[in-house]
PDB file of N, CA and C in Angstrom:
ATOM      1  N   MET A   1     -11.299-105.071 -79.509  1.00  0.00           N
ATOM      2  CA  MET A   1     -12.045-106.084 -78.814  1.00  0.00           C
ATOM      3  C   MET A   1     -11.906-107.391 -79.585  1.00  0.00           C
ATOM      4  N   SER A   2     -11.627-108.495 -78.879  1.00  0.00           N
ATOM      5  CA  SER A   2     -11.510-109.779 -79.555  1.00  0.00           C
ATOM      6  C   SER A   2     -12.895-110.366 -79.784  1.00  0.00           C
ATOM      7  N   ASP A   3     -12.967-111.357 -80.679  1.00  0.00           N
ATOM      8  CA  ASP A   3     -14.252-111.958 -80.995  1.00  0.00           C
ATOM      9  C   ASP A   3     -14.852-112.735 -79.842  1.00  0.00           C
ATOM     10  N   SER A   4     -14.081-113.066 -78.806  1.00  0.00           N
ATOM     11  CA  SER A   4     -14.632-113.852 -77.712  1.00  0.00           C
ATOM     12  C   SER A   4     -15.098-112.972 -76.552  1.00  0.00           C
ATOM     13  N   SER A   5     -15.004-111.658 -76.691  1.00  0.00           N
ATOM     14  CA  SER A   5     -15.446-110.776 -75.615  1.00  0.00           C
ATOM     15  C   SER A   5     -16.930-110.455 -75.766  1.00  0.00           C
ATOM     16  N   THR A   6     -17.498-109.867 -74.716  1.00  0.00           N
ATOM     17  CA  THR A   6     -18.879-109.424 -74.805  1.00  0.00           C
ATOM     18  C   THR A   6     -18.919-107.924 -74.603  1.00  0.00           C
ATOM     19  N   GLU A   7     -20.006-107.328 -75.002  1.00  0.00           N
ATOM     20  CA  GLU A   7     -20.221-105.899 -74.796  1.00  0.00           C
ATOM     21  C   GLU A   7     -21.159-105.673 -73.622  1.00  0.00           C
ATOM     22  N   GLY A   8     -21.422-106.721 -72.848  1.00  0.00           N
ATOM     23  CA  GLY A   8     -22.293-106.618 -71.686  1.00  0.00           C
ATOM     24  C   GLY A   8     -23.729-106.941 -72.030  1.00  0.00           C
ATOM     25  N   ILE A   9     -24.566-106.895 -70.998  1.00  0.00           N
ATOM     26  CA  ILE A   9     -25.990-107.168 -71.189  1.00  0.00           C
ATOM     27  C   ILE A   9     -26.608-105.953 -71.870  1.00  0.00           C
ATOM     28  N   LYS A  10     -27.186-106.167 -73.036  1.00  0.00           N
ATOM     29  CA  LYS A  10     -27.788-105.083 -73.804  1.00  0.00           C
ATOM     30  C   LYS A  10     -29.291-105.244 -73.952  1.00  0.00           C
ATOM     31  N   ILE A  11     -29.792-106.483 -73.779  1.00  0.00           N
ATOM     32  CA  ILE A  11     -31.215-106.754 -73.969  1.00  0.00           C
ATOM     33  C   ILE A  11     -31.691-107.648 -72.831  1.00  0.00           C
ATOM     34  N   VAL A  12     -32.829-107.306 -72.245  1.00  0.00           N
ATOM     35  CA  VAL A  12     -33.478-108.180 -71.267  1.00  0.00           C
ATOM     36  C   VAL A  12     -34.923-108.342 -71.711  1.00  0.00           C
ATOM     37  N   LEU A  13     -35.319-109.590 -71.972  1.00  0.00           N
ATOM     38  CA  LEU A  13     -36.683-109.893 -72.379  1.00  0.00           C
ATOM     39  C   LEU A  13     -37.445-110.469 -71.199  1.00  0.00           C
ATOM     40  N   HIS A  14     -38.661-109.973 -71.008  1.00  0.00           N
ATOM     41  CA  HIS A  14     -39.514-110.410 -69.905  1.00  0.00           C
ATOM     42  C   HIS A  14     -40.759-111.088 -70.464  1.00  0.00           C
ATOM     43  N   PRO A  15     -41.034-112.344 -70.066  1.00  0.00           N
ATOM     44  CA  PRO A  15     -42.289-112.966 -70.473  1.00  0.00           C
ATOM     45  C   PRO A  15     -43.428-112.335 -69.675  1.00  0.00           C
ATOM     46  N   VAL A  16     -44.536-112.035 -70.341  1.00  0.00           N
ATOM     47  CA  VAL A  16     -45.678-111.418 -69.654  1.00  0.00           C
ATOM     48  C   VAL A  16     -46.962-112.129 -70.060  1.00  0.00           C
ATOM     49  N   SER A  17     -47.902-112.196 -69.117  1.00  0.00           N
ATOM     50  CA  SER A  17     -49.178-112.851 -69.411  1.00  0.00           C
ATOM     51  C   SER A  17     -50.221-111.848 -69.894  1.00  0.00           C
ATOM     52  N   ASP A  18     -50.089-110.588 -69.492  1.00  0.00           N
ATOM     53  CA  ASP A  18     -51.028-109.539 -69.897  1.00  0.00           C
ATOM     54  C   ASP A  18     -50.201-108.366 -70.420  1.00  0.00           C
ATOM     55  N   LEU A  19     -50.087-108.273 -71.732  1.00  0.00           N
ATOM     56  CA  LEU A  19     -49.215-107.277 -72.350  1.00  0.00           C
ATOM     57  C   LEU A  19     -49.619-105.847 -71.983  1.00  0.00           C
ATOM     58  N   ASP A  20     -50.906-105.546 -72.001  1.00  0.00           N
ATOM     59  CA  ASP A  20     -51.340-104.184 -71.682  1.00  0.00           C
ATOM     60  C   ASP A  20     -51.024-103.814 -70.240  1.00  0.00           C
ATOM     61  N   ALA A  21     -51.258-104.725 -69.310  1.00  0.00           N
ATOM     62  CA  ALA A  21     -50.962-104.462 -67.895  1.00  0.00           C
ATOM     63  C   ALA A  21     -49.462-104.288 -67.686  1.00  0.00           C
ATOM     64  N   ALA A  22     -48.669-105.159 -68.314  1.00  0.00           N
ATOM     65  CA  ALA A  22     -47.211-105.060 -68.175  1.00  0.00           C
ATOM     66  C   ALA A  22     -46.702-103.762 -68.800  1.00  0.00           C
ATOM     67  N   LYS A  23     -47.256-103.393 -69.963  1.00  0.00           N
ATOM     68  CA  LYS A  23     -46.832-102.164 -70.632  1.00  0.00           C
ATOM     69  C   LYS A  23     -47.071-100.952 -69.735  1.00  0.00           C
ATOM     70  N   ALA A  24     -48.201-100.914 -69.037  1.00  0.00           N
ATOM     71  CA  ALA A  24     -48.491 -99.795 -68.132  1.00  0.00           C
ATOM     72  C   ALA A  24     -47.454 -99.708 -67.020  1.00  0.00           C
ATOM     73  N   VAL A  25     -47.104-100.852 -66.437  1.00  0.00           N
ATOM     74  CA  VAL A  25     -46.130-100.869 -65.337  1.00  0.00           C
ATOM     75  C   VAL A  25     -44.744-100.466 -65.832  1.00  0.00           C
ATOM     76  N   TYR A  26     -44.279-101.041 -66.954  1.00  0.00           N
ATOM     77  CA  TYR A  26     -42.936-100.736 -67.452  1.00  0.00           C
ATOM     78  C   TYR A  26     -42.844 -99.302 -67.960  1.00  0.00           C
ATOM     79  N   THR A  27     -43.915 -98.777 -68.540  1.00  0.00           N
ATOM     80  CA  THR A  27     -43.917 -97.379 -68.967  1.00  0.00           C
ATOM     81  C   THR A  27     -43.789 -96.459 -67.756  1.00  0.00           C
ATOM     82  N   ALA A  28     -44.494 -96.786 -66.679  1.00  0.00           N
ATOM     83  CA  ALA A  28     -44.386 -95.991 -65.445  1.00  0.00           C
ATOM     84  C   ALA A  28     -42.990 -96.117 -64.848  1.00  0.00           C
ATOM     85  N   LEU A  29     -42.461 -97.334 -64.815  1.00  0.00           N
ATOM     86  CA  LEU A  29     -41.129 -97.559 -64.247  1.00  0.00           C
ATOM     87  C   LEU A  29     -40.053 -96.807 -65.024  1.00  0.00           C
ATOM     88  N   LEU A  30     -40.075 -96.917 -66.346  1.00  0.00           N
ATOM     89  CA  LEU A  30     -39.012 -96.360 -67.179  1.00  0.00           C
ATOM     90  C   LEU A  30     -39.220 -94.888 -67.509  1.00  0.00           C
ATOM     91  N   GLY A  31     -40.452 -94.412 -67.385  1.00  0.00           N
ATOM     92  CA  GLY A  31     -40.734 -93.001 -67.629  1.00  0.00           C
ATOM     93  C   GLY A  31     -40.739 -92.592 -69.079  1.00  0.00           C
ATOM     94  N   ILE A  32     -40.864 -93.568 -69.973  1.00  0.00           N
ATOM     95  CA  ILE A  32     -40.919 -93.280 -71.414  1.00  0.00           C
ATOM     96  C   ILE A  32     -41.937 -94.202 -72.074  1.00  0.00           C
ATOM     97  N   ALA A  33     -42.416 -93.799 -73.232  1.00  0.00           N
ATOM     98  CA  ALA A  33     -43.286 -94.656 -74.033  1.00  0.00           C
ATOM     99  C   ALA A  33     -42.423 -95.703 -74.733  1.00  0.00           C
ATOM    100  N   PRO A  34     -43.000 -96.849 -75.045  1.00  0.00           N
ATOM    101  CA  PRO A  34     -42.221 -97.869 -75.762  1.00  0.00           C
ATOM    102  C   PRO A  34     -41.865 -97.406 -77.176  1.00  0.00           C
ATOM    103  N   GLN A  35     -40.695 -97.831 -77.645  1.00  0.00           N
ATOM    104  CA  GLN A  35     -40.272 -97.525 -79.016  1.00  0.00           C
ATOM    105  C   GLN A  35     -40.834 -98.543 -79.999  1.00  0.00           C
ATOM    106  N   ALA A  36     -41.090 -99.763 -79.532  1.00  0.00           N
ATOM    107  CA  ALA A  36     -41.744-100.799 -80.336  1.00  0.00           C
ATOM    108  C   ALA A  36     -43.011-101.175 -79.588  1.00  0.00           C
ATOM    109  N   ASP A  37     -44.142-101.108 -80.253  1.00  0.00           N
ATOM    110  CA  ASP A  37     -45.408-101.349 -79.567  1.00  0.00           C
ATOM    111  C   ASP A  37     -46.358-102.082 -80.503  1.00  0.00           C
ATOM    112  N   SER A  38     -46.432-103.400 -80.344  1.00  0.00           N
ATOM    113  CA  SER A  38     -47.328-104.209 -81.171  1.00  0.00           C
ATOM    114  C   SER A  38     -47.994-105.259 -80.288  1.00  0.00           C
ATOM    115  N   SER A  39     -48.879-106.021 -80.866  1.00  0.00           N
ATOM    116  CA  SER A  39     -49.580-107.050 -80.102  1.00  0.00           C
ATOM    117  C   SER A  39     -48.678-108.230 -79.759  1.00  0.00           C
ATOM    118  N   TYR A  40     -47.538-108.358 -80.444  1.00  0.00           N
ATOM    119  CA  TYR A  40     -46.650-109.493 -80.199  1.00  0.00           C
ATOM    120  C   TYR A  40     -45.336-109.105 -79.515  1.00  0.00           C
ATOM    121  N   TYR A  41     -45.102-107.792 -79.299  1.00  0.00           N
ATOM    122  CA  TYR A  41     -43.855-107.374 -78.650  1.00  0.00           C
ATOM    123  C   TYR A  41     -43.932-105.891 -78.308  1.00  0.00           C
ATOM    124  N   VAL A  42     -43.463-105.557 -77.111  1.00  0.00           N
ATOM    125  CA  VAL A  42     -43.329-104.160 -76.701  1.00  0.00           C
ATOM    126  C   VAL A  42     -41.883-103.981 -76.240  1.00  0.00           C
ATOM    127  N   GLY A  43     -41.207-102.957 -76.760  1.00  0.00           N
ATOM    128  CA  GLY A  43     -39.801-102.760 -76.416  1.00  0.00           C
ATOM    129  C   GLY A  43     -39.474-101.322 -76.083  1.00  0.00           C
ATOM    130  N   TYR A  44     -38.599-101.164 -75.111  1.00  0.00           N
ATOM    131  CA  TYR A  44     -38.136 -99.856 -74.641  1.00  0.00           C
ATOM    132  C   TYR A  44     -36.623 -99.779 -74.799  1.00  0.00           C
ATOM    133  N   ASP A  45     -36.120 -98.647 -75.225  1.00  0.00           N
ATOM    134  CA  ASP A  45     -34.677 -98.400 -75.282  1.00  0.00           C
ATOM    135  C   ASP A  45     -34.349 -97.350 -74.237  1.00  0.00           C
ATOM    136  N   VAL A  46     -33.567 -97.759 -73.236  1.00  0.00           N
ATOM    137  CA  VAL A  46     -33.256 -96.897 -72.110  1.00  0.00           C
ATOM    138  C   VAL A  46     -31.757 -96.944 -71.808  1.00  0.00           C
ATOM    139  N   GLU A  47     -31.091 -95.804 -71.983  1.00  0.00           N
ATOM    140  CA  GLU A  47     -29.672 -95.692 -71.602  1.00  0.00           C
ATOM    141  C   GLU A  47     -28.811 -96.822 -72.180  1.00  0.00           C
ATOM    142  N   GLY A  48     -29.005 -97.145 -73.459  1.00  0.00           N
ATOM    143  CA  GLY A  48     -28.185 -98.155 -74.113  1.00  0.00           C
ATOM    144  C   GLY A  48     -28.611 -99.590 -73.854  1.00  0.00           C
ATOM    145  N   GLN A  49     -29.740 -99.770 -73.192  1.00  0.00           N
ATOM    146  CA  GLN A  49     -30.244-101.115 -72.928  1.00  0.00           C
ATOM    147  C   GLN A  49     -31.651-101.234 -73.491  1.00  0.00           C
ATOM    148  N   HIS A  50     -31.986-102.419 -73.996  1.00  0.00           N
ATOM    149  CA  HIS A  50     -33.317-102.661 -74.544  1.00  0.00           C
ATOM    150  C   HIS A  50     -34.067-103.576 -73.585  1.00  0.00           C
ATOM    151  N   ILE A  51     -35.268-103.161 -73.194  1.00  0.00           N
ATOM    152  CA  ILE A  51     -36.139-103.943 -72.326  1.00  0.00           C
ATOM    153  C   ILE A  51     -37.331-104.368 -73.173  1.00  0.00           C
ATOM    154  N   GLY A  52     -37.559-105.674 -73.284  1.00  0.00           N
ATOM    155  CA  GLY A  52     -38.635-106.174 -74.117  1.00  0.00           C
ATOM    156  C   GLY A  52     -39.663-106.964 -73.330  1.00  0.00           C
ATOM    157  N   LEU A  53     -40.924-106.819 -73.713  1.00  0.00           N
ATOM    158  CA  LEU A  53     -42.026-107.564 -73.117  1.00  0.00           C
ATOM    159  C   LEU A  53     -42.550-108.540 -74.167  1.00  0.00           C
ATOM    160  N   VAL A  54     -42.560-109.828 -73.824  1.00  0.00           N
ATOM    161  CA  VAL A  54     -42.939-110.875 -74.762  1.00  0.00           C
ATOM    162  C   VAL A  54     -44.215-111.552 -74.260  1.00  0.00           C
ATOM    163  N   PRO A  55     -45.364-111.263 -74.898  1.00  0.00           N
ATOM    164  CA  PRO A  55     -46.612-111.884 -74.438  1.00  0.00           C
ATOM    165  C   PRO A  55     -46.578-113.401 -74.611  1.00  0.00           C
ATOM    166  N   GLY A  56     -47.016-114.098 -73.582  1.00  0.00           N
ATOM    167  CA  GLY A  56     -47.002-115.552 -73.630  1.00  0.00           C
ATOM    168  C   GLY A  56     -45.631-116.137 -73.361  1.00  0.00           C
ATOM    169  N   GLY A  57     -44.602-115.317 -73.380  1.00  0.00           N
ATOM    170  CA  GLY A  57     -43.260-115.739 -73.020  1.00  0.00           C
ATOM    171  C   GLY A  57     -42.486-116.520 -74.043  1.00  0.00           C
ATOM    172  N   ALA A  58     -43.120-116.986 -75.110  1.00  0.00           N
ATOM    173  CA  ALA A  58     -42.417-117.736 -76.158  1.00  0.00           C
ATOM    174  C   ALA A  58     -41.483-118.797 -75.575  1.00  0.00           C
ATOM    175  N   GLY A  59     -42.000-119.564 -74.608  1.00  0.00           N
ATOM    176  CA  GLY A  59     -41.208-120.626 -73.999  1.00  0.00           C
ATOM    177  C   GLY A  59     -40.329-120.176 -72.849  1.00  0.00           C
ATOM    178  N   MET A  60     -40.383-118.894 -72.505  1.00  0.00           N
ATOM    179  CA  MET A  60     -39.568-118.369 -71.402  1.00  0.00           C
ATOM    180  C   MET A  60     -40.336-118.545 -70.091  1.00  0.00           C
ATOM    181  N   SER A  61     -39.608-118.901 -69.018  1.00  0.00           N
ATOM    182  CA  SER A  61     -40.246-119.003 -67.705  1.00  0.00           C
ATOM    183  C   SER A  61     -39.783-117.895 -66.765  1.00  0.00           C
ATOM    184  N   SER A  62     -38.805-117.138 -67.195  1.00  0.00           N
ATOM    185  CA  SER A  62     -38.297-116.009 -66.414  1.00  0.00           C
ATOM    186  C   SER A  62     -37.608-115.047 -67.383  1.00  0.00           C
ATOM    187  N   PRO A  63     -37.265-113.833 -66.916  1.00  0.00           N
ATOM    188  CA  PRO A  63     -36.554-112.914 -67.806  1.00  0.00           C
ATOM    189  C   PRO A  63     -35.245-113.527 -68.312  1.00  0.00           C
ATOM    190  N   VAL A  64     -34.873-113.167 -69.527  1.00  0.00           N
ATOM    191  CA  VAL A  64     -33.626-113.643 -70.120  1.00  0.00           C
ATOM    192  C   VAL A  64     -32.797-112.439 -70.523  1.00  0.00           C
ATOM    193  N   ALA A  65     -31.560-112.410 -70.020  1.00  0.00           N
ATOM    194  CA  ALA A  65     -30.614-111.352 -70.375  1.00  0.00           C
ATOM    195  C   ALA A  65     -29.824-111.802 -71.603  1.00  0.00           C
ATOM    196  N   TYR A  66     -29.707-110.898 -72.575  1.00  0.00           N
ATOM    197  CA  TYR A  66     -28.958-111.176 -73.805  1.00  0.00           C
ATOM    198  C   TYR A  66     -27.676-110.359 -73.807  1.00  0.00           C
ATOM    199  N   TRP A  67     -26.567-111.050 -73.907  1.00  0.00           N
ATOM    200  CA  TRP A  67     -25.244-110.420 -73.957  1.00  0.00           C
ATOM    201  C   TRP A  67     -24.885-110.173 -75.414  1.00  0.00           C
ATOM    202  N   ARG A  68     -24.499-108.941 -75.740  1.00  0.00           N
ATOM    203  CA  ARG A  68     -24.120-108.617 -77.114  1.00  0.00           C
ATOM    204  C   ARG A  68     -22.684-109.080 -77.354  1.00  0.00           C
ATOM    205  N   VAL A  69     -22.488-109.801 -78.454  1.00  0.00           N
ATOM    206  CA  VAL A  69     -21.175-110.318 -78.828  1.00  0.00           C
ATOM    207  C   VAL A  69     -20.921-110.025 -80.303  1.00  0.00           C
ATOM    208  N   PRO A  70     -19.656-109.899 -80.693  1.00  0.00           N
ATOM    209  CA  PRO A  70     -19.355-109.638 -82.103  1.00  0.00           C
ATOM    210  C   PRO A  70     -19.419-110.889 -82.980  1.00  0.00           C
ATOM    211  N   ASP A  71     -19.254-112.100 -82.377  1.00  0.00           N
ATOM    212  CA  ASP A  71     -19.273-113.347 -83.149  1.00  0.00           C
ATOM    213  C   ASP A  71     -20.047-114.384 -82.349  1.00  0.00           C
ATOM    214  N   ILE A  72     -21.337-114.529 -82.649  1.00  0.00           N
ATOM    215  CA  ILE A  72     -22.214-115.393 -81.863  1.00  0.00           C
ATOM    216  C   ILE A  72     -21.809-116.864 -81.946  1.00  0.00           C
ATOM    217  N   GLU A  73     -21.400-117.316 -83.121  1.00  0.00           N
ATOM    218  CA  GLU A  73     -20.996-118.723 -83.279  1.00  0.00           C
ATOM    219  C   GLU A  73     -19.755-119.030 -82.433  1.00  0.00           C
ATOM    220  N   ALA A  74     -18.775-118.123 -82.447  1.00  0.00           N
ATOM    221  CA  ALA A  74     -17.556-118.327 -81.661  1.00  0.00           C
ATOM    222  C   ALA A  74     -17.869-118.339 -80.166  1.00  0.00           C
ATOM    223  N   LYS A  75     -18.739-117.435 -79.723  1.00  0.00           N
ATOM    224  CA  LYS A  75     -19.071-117.377 -78.300  1.00  0.00           C
ATOM    225  C   LYS A  75     -19.859-118.616 -77.881  1.00  0.00           C
ATOM    226  N   LEU A  76     -20.786-119.081 -78.720  1.00  0.00           N
ATOM    227  CA  LEU A  76     -21.513-120.313 -78.397  1.00  0.00           C
ATOM    228  C   LEU A  76     -20.558-121.492 -78.274  1.00  0.00           C
ATOM    229  N   ALA A  77     -19.598-121.598 -79.181  1.00  0.00           N
ATOM    230  CA  ALA A  77     -18.616-122.682 -79.110  1.00  0.00           C
ATOM    231  C   ALA A  77     -17.813-122.582 -77.810  1.00  0.00           C
ATOM    232  N   GLU A  78     -17.456-121.378 -77.438  1.00  0.00           N
ATOM    233  CA  GLU A  78     -16.665-121.166 -76.221  1.00  0.00           C
ATOM    234  C   GLU A  78     -17.446-121.556 -74.964  1.00  0.00           C
ATOM    235  N   VAL A  79     -18.704-121.104 -74.857  1.00  0.00           N
ATOM    236  CA  VAL A  79     -19.459-121.396 -73.631  1.00  0.00           C
ATOM    237  C   VAL A  79     -19.875-122.868 -73.561  1.00  0.00           C
ATOM    238  N   THR A  80     -20.185-123.494 -74.695  1.00  0.00           N
ATOM    239  CA  THR A  80     -20.535-124.912 -74.641  1.00  0.00           C
ATOM    240  C   THR A  80     -19.305-125.759 -74.318  1.00  0.00           C
ATOM    241  N   ALA A  81     -18.135-125.366 -74.800  1.00  0.00           N
ATOM    242  CA  ALA A  81     -16.909-126.076 -74.440  1.00  0.00           C
ATOM    243  C   ALA A  81     -16.620-125.949 -72.939  1.00  0.00           C
ATOM    244  N   ALA A  82     -17.094-124.851 -72.356  1.00  0.00           N
ATOM    245  CA  ALA A  82     -16.879-124.623 -70.923  1.00  0.00           C
ATOM    246  C   ALA A  82     -17.944-125.288 -70.058  1.00  0.00           C
ATOM    247  N   GLY A  83     -18.970-125.912 -70.674  1.00  0.00           N
ATOM    248  CA  GLY A  83     -19.970-126.632 -69.895  1.00  0.00           C
ATOM    249  C   GLY A  83     -21.398-126.162 -70.047  1.00  0.00           C
ATOM    250  N   ALA A  84     -21.640-125.136 -70.838  1.00  0.00           N
ATOM    251  CA  ALA A  84     -23.010-124.681 -71.086  1.00  0.00           C
ATOM    252  C   ALA A  84     -23.709-125.667 -72.028  1.00  0.00           C
ATOM    253  N   THR A  85     -25.039-125.633 -72.034  1.00  0.00           N
ATOM    254  CA  THR A  85     -25.843-126.489 -72.905  1.00  0.00           C
ATOM    255  C   THR A  85     -26.663-125.604 -73.839  1.00  0.00           C
ATOM    256  N   LEU A  86     -26.582-125.878 -75.129  1.00  0.00           N
ATOM    257  CA  LEU A  86     -27.349-125.119 -76.115  1.00  0.00           C
ATOM    258  C   LEU A  86     -28.833-125.310 -75.862  1.00  0.00           C
ATOM    259  N   LYS A  87     -29.570-124.217 -75.803  1.00  0.00           N
ATOM    260  CA  LYS A  87     -31.025-124.263 -75.636  1.00  0.00           C
ATOM    261  C   LYS A  87     -31.711-123.910 -76.954  1.00  0.00           C
ATOM    262  N   ASP A  88     -31.365-122.769 -77.538  1.00  0.00           N
ATOM    263  CA  ASP A  88     -31.931-122.311 -78.805  1.00  0.00           C
ATOM    264  C   ASP A  88     -30.784-121.973 -79.747  1.00  0.00           C
ATOM    265  N   PRO A  89     -30.683-122.664 -80.883  1.00  0.00           N
ATOM    266  CA  PRO A  89     -29.588-122.383 -81.812  1.00  0.00           C
ATOM    267  C   PRO A  89     -29.701-120.978 -82.418  1.00  0.00           C
ATOM    268  N   VAL A  90     -28.656-120.561 -83.059  1.00  0.00           N
ATOM    269  CA  VAL A  90     -28.607-119.243 -83.688  1.00  0.00           C
ATOM    270  C   VAL A  90     -29.720-119.122 -84.717  1.00  0.00           C
ATOM    271  N   ARG A  91     -30.434-117.993 -84.645  1.00  0.00           N
ATOM    272  CA  ARG A  91     -31.469-117.711 -85.642  1.00  0.00           C
ATOM    273  C   ARG A  91     -31.511-116.212 -85.895  1.00  0.00           C
ATOM    274  N   ASN A  92     -31.908-115.869 -87.101  1.00  0.00           N
ATOM    275  CA  ASN A  92     -32.046-114.471 -87.502  1.00  0.00           C
ATOM    276  C   ASN A  92     -33.447-114.028 -87.112  1.00  0.00           C
ATOM    277  N   VAL A  93     -33.540-112.980 -86.280  1.00  0.00           N
ATOM    278  CA  VAL A  93     -34.847-112.485 -85.842  1.00  0.00           C
ATOM    279  C   VAL A  93     -35.264-111.224 -86.602  1.00  0.00           C
ATOM    280  N   GLY A  94     -34.557-110.914 -87.669  1.00  0.00           N
ATOM    281  CA  GLY A  94     -34.907-109.783 -88.517  1.00  0.00           C
ATOM    282  C   GLY A  94     -33.807-108.757 -88.601  1.00  0.00           C
ATOM    283  N   ASN A  95     -33.680-108.174 -89.754  1.00  0.00           N
ATOM    284  CA  ASN A  95     -32.693-107.119 -90.018  1.00  0.00           C
ATOM    285  C   ASN A  95     -31.265-107.558 -89.722  1.00  0.00           C
ATOM    286  N   GLY A  96     -30.989-108.850 -89.854  1.00  0.00           N
ATOM    287  CA  GLY A  96     -29.634-109.350 -89.650  1.00  0.00           C
ATOM    288  C   GLY A  96     -29.254-109.601 -88.203  1.00  0.00           C
ATOM    289  N   ARG A  97     -30.152-109.352 -87.262  1.00  0.00           N
ATOM    290  CA  ARG A  97     -29.860-109.604 -85.840  1.00  0.00           C
ATOM    291  C   ARG A  97     -29.959-111.107 -85.578  1.00  0.00           C
ATOM    292  N   LEU A  98     -28.888-111.653 -85.001  1.00  0.00           N
ATOM    293  CA  LEU A  98     -28.839-113.069 -84.663  1.00  0.00           C
ATOM    294  C   LEU A  98     -28.962-113.242 -83.157  1.00  0.00           C
ATOM    295  N   VAL A  99     -29.736-114.240 -82.729  1.00  0.00           N
ATOM    296  CA  VAL A  99     -29.874-114.548 -81.311  1.00  0.00           C
ATOM    297  C   VAL A  99     -29.723-116.043 -81.103  1.00  0.00           C
ATOM    298  N   ALA A 100     -29.332-116.408 -79.889  1.00  0.00           N
ATOM    299  CA  ALA A 100     -29.232-117.803 -79.476  1.00  0.00           C
ATOM    300  C   ALA A 100     -29.341-117.823 -77.961  1.00  0.00           C
ATOM    301  N   ALA A 101     -29.624-118.989 -77.403  1.00  0.00           N
ATOM    302  CA  ALA A 101     -29.708-119.105 -75.949  1.00  0.00           C
ATOM    303  C   ALA A 101     -29.058-120.406 -75.504  1.00  0.00           C
ATOM    304  N   PHE A 102     -28.536-120.388 -74.285  1.00  0.00           N
ATOM    305  CA  PHE A 102     -27.936-121.572 -73.688  1.00  0.00           C
ATOM    306  C   PHE A 102     -28.241-121.566 -72.198  1.00  0.00           C
ATOM    307  N   THR A 103     -28.004-122.703 -71.552  1.00  0.00           N
ATOM    308  CA  THR A 103     -28.176-122.771 -70.104  1.00  0.00           C
ATOM    309  C   THR A 103     -26.828-122.987 -69.448  1.00  0.00           C
ATOM    310  N   ASP A 104     -26.677-122.393 -68.268  1.00  0.00           N
ATOM    311  CA  ASP A 104     -25.471-122.634 -67.484  1.00  0.00           C
ATOM    312  C   ASP A 104     -25.650-123.965 -66.741  1.00  0.00           C
ATOM    313  N   PRO A 105     -24.647-124.421 -65.996  1.00  0.00           N
ATOM    314  CA  PRO A 105     -24.764-125.713 -65.320  1.00  0.00           C
ATOM    315  C   PRO A 105     -25.920-125.817 -64.322  1.00  0.00           C
ATOM    316  N   ASP A 106     -26.473-124.681 -63.868  1.00  0.00           N
ATOM    317  CA  ASP A 106     -27.598-124.698 -62.939  1.00  0.00           C
ATOM    318  C   ASP A 106     -28.949-124.550 -63.641  1.00  0.00           C
ATOM    319  N   GLY A 107     -28.948-124.498 -64.975  1.00  0.00           N
ATOM    320  CA  GLY A 107     -30.188-124.397 -65.720  1.00  0.00           C
ATOM    321  C   GLY A 107     -30.652-122.978 -65.985  1.00  0.00           C
ATOM    322  N   ASN A 108     -29.879-121.976 -65.579  1.00  0.00           N
ATOM    323  CA  ASN A 108     -30.237-120.585 -65.873  1.00  0.00           C
ATOM    324  C   ASN A 108     -30.087-120.335 -67.371  1.00  0.00           C
ATOM    325  N   VAL A 109     -31.071-119.672 -67.951  1.00  0.00           N
ATOM    326  CA  VAL A 109     -31.038-119.384 -69.388  1.00  0.00           C
ATOM    327  C   VAL A 109     -30.334-118.048 -69.607  1.00  0.00           C
ATOM    328  N   LEU A 110     -29.380-118.055 -70.519  1.00  0.00           N
ATOM    329  CA  LEU A 110     -28.635-116.858 -70.918  1.00  0.00           C
ATOM    330  C   LEU A 110     -28.742-116.724 -72.431  1.00  0.00           C
ATOM    331  N   GLY A 111     -28.819-115.502 -72.909  1.00  0.00           N
ATOM    332  CA  GLY A 111     -28.935-115.273 -74.334  1.00  0.00           C
ATOM    333  C   GLY A 111     -27.727-114.546 -74.900  1.00  0.00           C
ATOM    334  N   LEU A 112     -27.525-114.730 -76.190  1.00  0.00           N
ATOM    335  CA  LEU A 112     -26.501-114.006 -76.934  1.00  0.00           C
ATOM    336  C   LEU A 112     -27.176-113.296 -78.098  1.00  0.00           C
ATOM    337  N   VAL A 113     -26.678-112.113 -78.432  1.00  0.00           N
ATOM    338  CA  VAL A 113     -27.190-111.372 -79.576  1.00  0.00           C
ATOM    339  C   VAL A 113     -26.009-110.820 -80.361  1.00  0.00           C
ATOM    340  N   GLN A 114     -26.091-110.933 -81.668  1.00  0.00           N
ATOM    341  CA  GLN A 114     -25.095-110.348 -82.570  1.00  0.00           C
ATOM    342  C   GLN A 114     -25.832-109.475 -83.564  1.00  0.00           C
ATOM    343  N   ASP A 115     -25.492-108.207 -83.567  1.00  0.00           N
ATOM    344  CA  ASP A 115     -26.102-107.279 -84.524  1.00  0.00           C
ATOM    345  C   ASP A 115     -25.247-107.227 -85.780  1.00  0.00           C
ATOM    346  N   PRO A 116     -25.869-106.909 -86.910  1.00  0.00           N
ATOM    347  CA  PRO A 116     -25.093-106.827 -88.150  1.00  0.00           C
ATOM    348  C   PRO A 116     -24.015-105.742 -88.039  1.00  0.00           C
ATOM    349  N   ASP A 117     -22.934-105.956 -88.740  1.00  0.00           N
ATOM    350  CA  ASP A 117     -21.849-104.995 -88.757  1.00  0.00           C
ATOM    351  C   ASP A 117     -22.277-103.783 -89.581  1.00  0.00           C
ATOM    352  N   PRO A 118     -22.370-102.597 -88.938  1.00  0.00           N
ATOM    353  CA  PRO A 118     -22.822-101.410 -89.692  1.00  0.00           C
ATOM    354  C   PRO A 118     -21.877-101.054 -90.829  1.00  0.00           C
ATOM    355  N   ALA A 119     -20.599-101.464 -90.734  1.00  0.00           N
ATOM    356  CA  ALA A 119     -19.626-101.175 -91.789  1.00  0.00           C
ATOM    357  C   ALA A 119     -19.902-102.003 -93.038  1.00  0.00           C
ATOM    358  N   ALA A 120     -20.689-103.082 -92.882  1.00  0.00           N
ATOM    359  CA  ALA A 120     -20.971-103.970 -94.017  1.00  0.00           C
ATOM    360  C   ALA A 120     -22.072-103.413 -94.918  1.00  0.00           C
ATOM    361  N   ASP A 121     -22.730-102.341 -94.492  1.00  0.00           N
ATOM    362  CA  ASP A 121     -23.820-101.762 -95.290  1.00  0.00           C
ATOM    363  C   ASP A 121     -23.325-101.088 -96.540  1.00  0.00           C
TER     364      ASP A 121
END
């Protein structure tokens, strides 16, 4: 796989106003208990995809799909050269996971995620 390819949508974050109410609905929908369950984030891992509930939305106005890429900086350069606009620069959200967001020409927010290389451990 080249550094400019993606591994597909692996994470979808949903802004929620009532975390407990949303957790009940998503638990019923997915048929499993959340793997991450705190007052600031609830996350489910289902069939290779992560579904996250973000209370208050952290600036999100709709769900955001995160595409997994091997080189987040290279992919950001590629999409911005093609006409995307940087929304949130690359940041480490813990354990070496990097995320960033950009908008397409219609204002849709898209996310990128790069996980640490397990071979580097």
